[in-house]
C-alpha cells in the first residue's frame, strides 16, 4: 500500500503571540521581554519597595529605642506619682464604662419589657381578668372573715362573757 496524503483538514495554526486583536487595533508595539536577572549595583534599577519598607522599619526601631532610653529615667523618677495616677485613671475609666454598660442594659431591658407588653394583648387580657377575679375573691374572703368575727363577738356578748383585752 502506498502512503497517501491525509484528506483530513489540518487545524489552522494559532496566530503569532504579537498579533492579538488589541495590539492590532491600537497598533501598539511592546518592547521585547528581557530575561529575569538579579539586579546588581552597577545597573540602574529603581529601589524595591521591600527594601524601602525594611529601611523605614529599621529607622522606626532605632527611634523607638532612643526614645525609650531617654524616657526611662524620667519614668523611674516619677514612678511614685505616675503609678497611682495611672491606677486612678484606669479605675475611673473602668467605672465610667461600667456605668454606661449598666445604663444601656437597663434601657434595653425596659424597652424589651414595653415591647413584650405591647405585643402580648391576649395574655395581658387574661392576666388582667385573673387579677380582677383574685381581687373579688380576696374581697369575698375578707367579708366572710369580718362576718365571722362579728358573729363570734355577738355570741360572746349574749353569753355574758366579759371582754378580754
C-alpha atoms as a PDB file:
ATOM      1  CA  UNK A   1       0.000   0.000   0.000  1.00  0.00           C
ATOM      2  CA  UNK A   2       1.175   3.359  -0.933  1.00  0.00           C
ATOM      3  CA  UNK A   3       1.200   6.147   1.556  1.00  0.00           C
ATOM      4  CA  UNK A   4      -1.455   8.617   0.605  1.00  0.00           C
ATOM      5  CA  UNK A   5      -1.642  12.097   1.965  1.00  0.00           C
ATOM      6  CA  UNK A   6      -4.297  12.570   4.636  1.00  0.00           C
ATOM      7  CA  UNK A   7      -7.563  14.029   3.387  1.00  0.00           C
ATOM      8  CA  UNK A   8      -8.465  15.430   6.823  1.00  0.00           C
ATOM      9  CA  UNK A   9      -8.117  19.174   7.097  1.00  0.00           C
ATOM     10  CA  UNK A  10      -5.311  20.355   9.271  1.00  0.00           C
ATOM     11  CA  UNK A  11      -6.356  22.729  12.037  1.00  0.00           C
ATOM     12  CA  UNK A  12      -5.393  26.350  11.480  1.00  0.00           C
ATOM     13  CA  UNK A  13      -2.264  27.411  13.267  1.00  0.00           C
ATOM     14  CA  UNK A  14      -2.726  29.887  16.135  1.00  0.00           C
ATOM     15  CA  UNK A  15      -1.778  33.486  15.402  1.00  0.00           C
ATOM     16  CA  UNK A  16       1.648  34.636  16.487  1.00  0.00           C
ATOM     17  CA  UNK A  17       1.784  35.934  20.070  1.00  0.00           C
ATOM     18  CA  UNK A  18       2.264  39.553  18.996  1.00  0.00           C
ATOM     19  CA  UNK A  19      -0.815  39.586  16.767  1.00  0.00           C
ATOM     20  CA  UNK A  20      -3.566  39.819  19.387  1.00  0.00           C
ATOM     21  CA  UNK A  21      -6.664  41.810  18.428  1.00  0.00           C
ATOM     22  CA  UNK A  22      -5.968  44.538  20.994  1.00  0.00           C
ATOM     23  CA  UNK A  23      -2.455  45.117  19.715  1.00  0.00           C
ATOM     24  CA  UNK A  24      -3.632  45.125  16.115  1.00  0.00           C
ATOM     25  CA  UNK A  25      -6.434  47.527  16.977  1.00  0.00           C
ATOM     26  CA  UNK A  26      -4.231  50.048  18.768  1.00  0.00           C
ATOM     27  CA  UNK A  27      -1.103  49.418  16.773  1.00  0.00           C
ATOM     28  CA  UNK A  28       0.982  49.123  19.929  1.00  0.00           C
ATOM     29  CA  UNK A  29       4.371  47.600  19.779  1.00  0.00           C
ATOM     30  CA  UNK A  30       5.656  46.305  23.069  1.00  0.00           C
ATOM     31  CA  UNK A  31       9.337  46.076  23.842  1.00  0.00           C
ATOM     32  CA  UNK A  32      10.669  42.531  23.904  1.00  0.00           C
ATOM     33  CA  UNK A  33      10.677  40.798  27.272  1.00  0.00           C
ATOM     34  CA  UNK A  34      14.022  40.688  28.963  1.00  0.00           C
ATOM     35  CA  UNK A  35      15.267  37.639  30.725  1.00  0.00           C
ATOM     36  CA  UNK A  36      14.995  37.834  34.503  1.00  0.00           C
ATOM     37  CA  UNK A  37      18.297  38.513  36.156  1.00  0.00           C
ATOM     38  CA  UNK A  38      19.397  39.570  39.569  1.00  0.00           C
ATOM     39  CA  UNK A  39      19.913  43.309  39.973  1.00  0.00           C
ATOM     40  CA  UNK A  40      23.462  44.291  40.512  1.00  0.00           C
ATOM     41  CA  UNK A  41      24.839  47.548  41.939  1.00  0.00           C
ATOM     42  CA  UNK A  42      26.235  48.559  38.592  1.00  0.00           C
ATOM     43  CA  UNK A  43      22.850  48.660  36.856  1.00  0.00           C
ATOM     44  CA  UNK A  44      20.339  51.482  37.128  1.00  0.00           C
ATOM     45  CA  UNK A  45      17.368  49.784  38.814  1.00  0.00           C
ATOM     46  CA  UNK A  46      14.753  51.570  40.895  1.00  0.00           C
ATOM     47  CA  UNK A  47      14.857  50.685  44.602  1.00  0.00           C
ATOM     48  CA  UNK A  48      12.496  47.911  45.594  1.00  0.00           C
ATOM     49  CA  UNK A  49       9.516  48.589  47.858  1.00  0.00           C
ATOM     50  CA  UNK A  50      10.531  45.794  50.216  1.00  0.00           C
ATOM     51  CA  UNK A  51      13.927  47.366  50.764  1.00  0.00           C
ATOM     52  CA  UNK A  52      12.371  50.768  51.397  1.00  0.00           C
ATOM     53  CA  UNK A  53       9.956  49.322  53.945  1.00  0.00           C
ATOM     54  CA  UNK A  54      12.762  47.418  55.656  1.00  0.00           C
ATOM     55  CA  UNK A  55      14.816  50.604  55.922  1.00  0.00           C
ATOM     56  CA  UNK A  56      11.819  52.515  57.298  1.00  0.00           C
ATOM     57  CA  UNK A  57      11.205  49.777  59.882  1.00  0.00           C
ATOM     58  CA  UNK A  58      14.852  49.988  60.960  1.00  0.00           C
ATOM     59  CA  UNK A  59      14.652  53.765  61.369  1.00  0.00           C
ATOM     60  CA  UNK A  60      11.469  53.448  63.446  1.00  0.00           C
ATOM     61  CA  UNK A  61      13.094  50.774  65.633  1.00  0.00           C
ATOM     62  CA  UNK A  62      16.165  52.932  66.291  1.00  0.00           C
ATOM     63  CA  UNK A  63      13.960  55.962  67.075  1.00  0.00           C
ATOM     64  CA  UNK A  64      11.877  53.898  69.483  1.00  0.00           C
ATOM     65  CA  UNK A  65      14.963  52.597  71.294  1.00  0.00           C
ATOM     66  CA  UNK A  66      16.430  56.110  71.621  1.00  0.00           C
ATOM     67  CA  UNK A  67      13.112  57.466  72.937  1.00  0.00           C
ATOM     68  CA  UNK A  68      12.852  54.613  75.428  1.00  0.00           C
ATOM     69  CA  UNK A  69      16.438  55.179  76.607  1.00  0.00           C
ATOM     70  CA  UNK A  70      15.708  58.873  77.182  1.00  0.00           C
ATOM     71  CA  UNK A  71      12.293  58.353  78.811  1.00  0.00           C
ATOM     72  CA  UNK A  72      13.232  55.512  81.175  1.00  0.00           C
ATOM     73  CA  UNK A  73      14.988  57.727  83.767  1.00  0.00           C
ATOM     74  CA  UNK A  74      12.001  60.096  83.755  1.00  0.00           C
ATOM     75  CA  UNK A  75       9.637  57.179  84.356  1.00  0.00           C
ATOM     76  CA  UNK A  76      11.825  55.877  87.196  1.00  0.00           C
ATOM     77  CA  UNK A  77      11.983  59.286  88.870  1.00  0.00           C
ATOM     78  CA  UNK A  78       8.265  59.991  88.574  1.00  0.00           C
ATOM     79  CA  UNK A  79       7.010  56.423  89.153  1.00  0.00           C
ATOM     80  CA  UNK A  80       5.779  57.139  92.723  1.00  0.00           C
ATOM     81  CA  UNK A  81       3.433  59.713  91.181  1.00  0.00           C
ATOM     82  CA  UNK A  82       2.706  58.049  87.840  1.00  0.00           C
ATOM     83  CA  UNK A  83       1.762  54.575  89.089  1.00  0.00           C
ATOM     84  CA  UNK A  84      -1.038  55.729  91.426  1.00  0.00           C
ATOM     85  CA  UNK A  85      -2.190  58.257  88.806  1.00  0.00           C
ATOM     86  CA  UNK A  86      -2.402  55.529  86.155  1.00  0.00           C
ATOM     87  CA  UNK A  87      -4.256  53.229  88.566  1.00  0.00           C
ATOM     88  CA  UNK A  88      -6.696  56.027  89.455  1.00  0.00           C
ATOM     89  CA  UNK A  89      -7.236  56.920  85.805  1.00  0.00           C
ATOM     90  CA  UNK A  90      -7.774  53.278  84.816  1.00  0.00           C
ATOM     91  CA  UNK A  91     -10.253  52.803  87.666  1.00  0.00           C
ATOM     92  CA  UNK A  92     -12.168  55.939  86.678  1.00  0.00           C
ATOM     93  CA  UNK A  93     -12.347  54.884  83.025  1.00  0.00           C
ATOM     94  CA  UNK A  94     -13.471  51.398  84.044  1.00  0.00           C
ATOM     95  CA  UNK A  95     -16.158  52.897  86.296  1.00  0.00           C
ATOM     96  CA  UNK A  96     -17.495  55.152  83.534  1.00  0.00           C
ATOM     97  CA  UNK A  97     -17.556  52.309  81.025  1.00  0.00           C
ATOM     98  CA  UNK A  98     -19.262  50.010  83.524  1.00  0.00           C
ATOM     99  CA  UNK A  99     -21.913  52.594  84.403  1.00  0.00           C
ATOM    100  CA  UNK A 100     -22.575  53.165  80.711  1.00  0.00           C
ATOM    101  CA  UNK A 101     -22.918  49.435  80.130  1.00  0.00           C
ATOM    102  CA  UNK A 102     -25.317  49.100  83.080  1.00  0.00           C
ATOM    103  CA  UNK A 103     -27.363  52.066  81.851  1.00  0.00           C
ATOM    104  CA  UNK A 104     -27.556  50.620  78.360  1.00  0.00           C
ATOM    105  CA  UNK A 105     -28.550  47.237  79.777  1.00  0.00           C
ATOM    106  CA  UNK A 106     -31.309  48.843  81.868  1.00  0.00           C
ATOM    107  CA  UNK A 107     -32.668  50.838  78.932  1.00  0.00           C
ATOM    108  CA  UNK A 108     -32.673  47.802  76.668  1.00  0.00           C
ATOM    109  CA  UNK A 109     -34.437  45.752  79.376  1.00  0.00           C
ATOM    110  CA  UNK A 110     -37.128  48.412  79.773  1.00  0.00           C
ATOM    111  CA  UNK A 111     -37.510  48.630  76.004  1.00  0.00           C
ATOM    112  CA  UNK A 112     -37.849  44.841  75.793  1.00  0.00           C
ATOM    113  CA  UNK A 113     -40.491  44.819  78.538  1.00  0.00           C
ATOM    114  CA  UNK A 114     -42.515  47.560  76.860  1.00  0.00           C
ATOM    115  CA  UNK A 115     -42.370  45.803  73.506  1.00  0.00           C
ATOM    116  CA  UNK A 116     -43.408  42.484  75.051  1.00  0.00           C
ATOM    117  CA  UNK A 117     -46.380  44.174  76.802  1.00  0.00           C
ATOM    118  CA  UNK A 118     -47.417  45.871  73.569  1.00  0.00           C
ATOM    119  CA  UNK A 119     -47.314  42.612  71.621  1.00  0.00           C
ATOM    120  CA  UNK A 120     -48.975  40.470  74.285  1.00  0.00           C
ATOM    121  CA  UNK A 121     -52.602  41.583  74.100  1.00  0.00           C
ATOM    122  CA  UNK A 122     -54.068  38.105  74.630  1.00  0.00           C
ATOM    123  CA  UNK A 123     -52.051  37.065  77.689  1.00  0.00           C
ATOM    124  CA  UNK A 124     -52.335  40.584  79.116  1.00  0.00           C
ATOM    125  CA  UNK A 125     -56.144  40.442  78.978  1.00  0.00           C
ATOM    126  CA  UNK A 126     -56.065  37.004  80.576  1.00  0.00           C
ATOM    127  CA  UNK A 127     -53.775  38.286  83.332  1.00  0.00           C
ATOM    128  CA  UNK A 128     -55.993  41.321  83.891  1.00  0.00           C
ATOM    129  CA  UNK A 129     -59.099  39.142  84.203  1.00  0.00           C
ATOM    130  CA  UNK A 130     -57.330  36.786  86.638  1.00  0.00           C
ATOM    131  CA  UNK A 131     -56.227  39.742  88.768  1.00  0.00           C
ATOM    132  CA  UNK A 132     -59.804  41.042  88.894  1.00  0.00           C
ATOM    133  CA  UNK A 133     -61.031  37.607  89.921  1.00  0.00           C
ATOM    134  CA  UNK A 134     -58.349  37.453  92.620  1.00  0.00           C
ATOM    135  CA  UNK A 135     -59.368  40.885  93.945  1.00  0.00           C
ATOM    136  CA  UNK A 136     -63.025  39.800  94.073  1.00  0.00           C
ATOM    137  CA  UNK A 137     -62.030  36.545  95.818  1.00  0.00           C
ATOM    138  CA  UNK A 138     -59.930  38.430  98.406  1.00  0.00           C
ATOM    139  CA  UNK A 139     -62.849  40.831  98.969  1.00  0.00           C
ATOM    140  CA  UNK A 140     -65.272  37.955  99.482  1.00  0.00           C
ATOM    141  CA  UNK A 141     -62.873  36.206 101.866  1.00  0.00           C
ATOM    142  CA  UNK A 142     -62.364  39.415 103.835  1.00  0.00           C
ATOM    143  CA  UNK A 143     -66.126  39.971 104.014  1.00  0.00           C
ATOM    144  CA  UNK A 144     -66.679  36.411 105.258  1.00  0.00           C
ATOM    145  CA  UNK A 145     -63.907  36.783 107.858  1.00  0.00           C
ATOM    146  CA  UNK A 146     -65.461  40.052 109.062  1.00  0.00           C
ATOM    147  CA  UNK A 147     -68.892  38.475 109.343  1.00  0.00           C
ATOM    148  CA  UNK A 148     -67.437  35.509 111.221  1.00  0.00           C
ATOM    149  CA  UNK A 149     -65.667  37.807 113.682  1.00  0.00           C
ATOM    150  CA  UNK A 150     -68.842  39.878 114.124  1.00  0.00           C
ATOM    151  CA  UNK A 151     -70.919  36.746 114.757  1.00  0.00           C
ATOM    152  CA  UNK A 152     -68.451  35.441 117.354  1.00  0.00           C
ATOM    153  CA  UNK A 153     -68.401  38.796 119.095  1.00  0.00           C
ATOM    154  CA  UNK A 154     -72.218  38.859 119.263  1.00  0.00           C
ATOM    155  CA  UNK A 155     -72.283  35.308 120.651  1.00  0.00           C
ATOM    156  CA  UNK A 156     -69.808  36.245 123.375  1.00  0.00           C
ATOM    157  CA  UNK A 157     -71.852  39.330 124.188  1.00  0.00           C
ATOM    158  CA  UNK A 158     -75.067  37.295 124.535  1.00  0.00           C
ATOM    159  CA  UNK A 159     -73.436  34.698 126.770  1.00  0.00           C
ATOM    160  CA  UNK A 160     -72.373  37.420 129.094  1.00  0.00           C
ATOM    161  CA  UNK A 161     -68.681  36.874 128.755  1.00  0.00           C
ATOM    162  CA  UNK A 162     -66.544  39.761 129.758  1.00  0.00           C
ATOM    163  CA  UNK A 163     -64.490  41.434 127.191  1.00  0.00           C
ATOM    164  CA  UNK A 164     -60.928  40.317 127.275  1.00  0.00           C
ATOM    165  CA  UNK A 165     -58.383  42.900 126.294  1.00  0.00           C
END
